[in-house]
Amino acid sequence: MSYRPHAQAKSLRLLDTHAGGDVSRIVLDGIADLPGDTVRARMEYLRDDADGLRRLLLEEPYGIPEMSVDLIVPATSPQAVAGYIIMEVMGYPIYSGSNTICTATAVLEAGLVEKREGWQRFILEAPAGLVQIDALVKDDVVEAITCEGLPSYIDTYRASIHVPDIGDVTYSVAYSGGFYALVDATELGFKLVKEEERQLADCAHRIVEAIQAERGFSHYTLGDVGPLPFLHFMGPVHQIADDFYRSRSATYVHPGVICRSTTGTGTSARLALMNHEGRIQTGDKLETVSLRETGFIGEFTGTHQAGEHQVVDNTITGKSYVLADSSIIVNPEDPMVKDWSFYHILESSDDDAS
């Protein structure tokens, strides 16, 4: 006996994945074509006219705030195999390393890109632009994804701010797909272990609120991208080999939420800081290790000058695992769905058409 949904219900096909512990819910099917001549424009349409889809998939009863959502859309560039729109509890980031690793894995596992043994290369289109992907497949399993990190730079170096109930905090600010406050965990008494997760989230929230109240930040081409949203706790950097470093890390993204992974953009921000301090050379790698002992590897691939900023080029490498291949039913009679702004973009199923 199979389930027969309500006559007006719609369904979405999902591939749930995780990279470093961060769950990314990949929406493969069930959404109609969105207006917009770029993936960025389609993202803005969702944000302004159909934000209920993000809320549906990240709030009860369908999801939780710690998850992310990546909606597969047709690419607008002929170079790209697919586009993707990133949705998180704080909104619509234009780029994310962990989400890109998960999306690249999903397009391979779902057959949108044919898997080939060994290394293969393709391009995805994010709201931030084109992203080169290198995928390693062994015995038909996606073992690693290397993706381009956004060009990253240091906006502010070792500023100080007084935070109520914490004291004076020294921080730097990097842009790596969003603005990050970078703080030394040791100076705040943290060892960056899982037992500290709640205290880390509370501490980060207070620091971010204090910085937001004091100042804003502007990107050299994007301009005002809103208040600083993220904070990255940095553990001591240990040199493992001539060209390889490792550091414990934790990334705050939203009140109460520390990412399960170290985040790709957080790792890119660390590379920018290490370059600013003269602690890393082209070809060097940094592995950031999370509270859950998972890691991403960032590689410093070079620099270029953009106005007054020395911008770091980098890649991020990680592995994504498939958790579930499923569909969800969206029922218009469900009182738990609080925002129906998205319902018009859901595709009708064959049953609906009949």
Foldseek 3Di string as FASTA:
>chain_A
DDDDDDLLKFKWWWWWKFWLQAIEIETDDFFFAADDLAQLVSLVCCQPFPVLVLVVCDDPPNHHQSHKYWYWHAHNDPQALTEIWIAHPVGTQQDWDGNVQVVVQVCPVVVSDDDDAAWDWGWYQTSVGIKIWIFHADPNHTPKIKIWWAWKAWPAAFDWFQFPPQGIFTWTWMDGSAIETEGEVVVSPDPQAPVCLQVVLVVFVRVQVRQQVVDADADPPRGGPDRRFKYKYWYDWDDPDPQEIETEMWMHGDRRDIHSARIPSNLLNVVNVCVVVVNHDAQHKYWYAHNVRGTKIKGFHDWDDDPPTTITIIMIMTHMDTDDTGMDMDDPVDPVSPDRSNVVRGDDDPSNVD
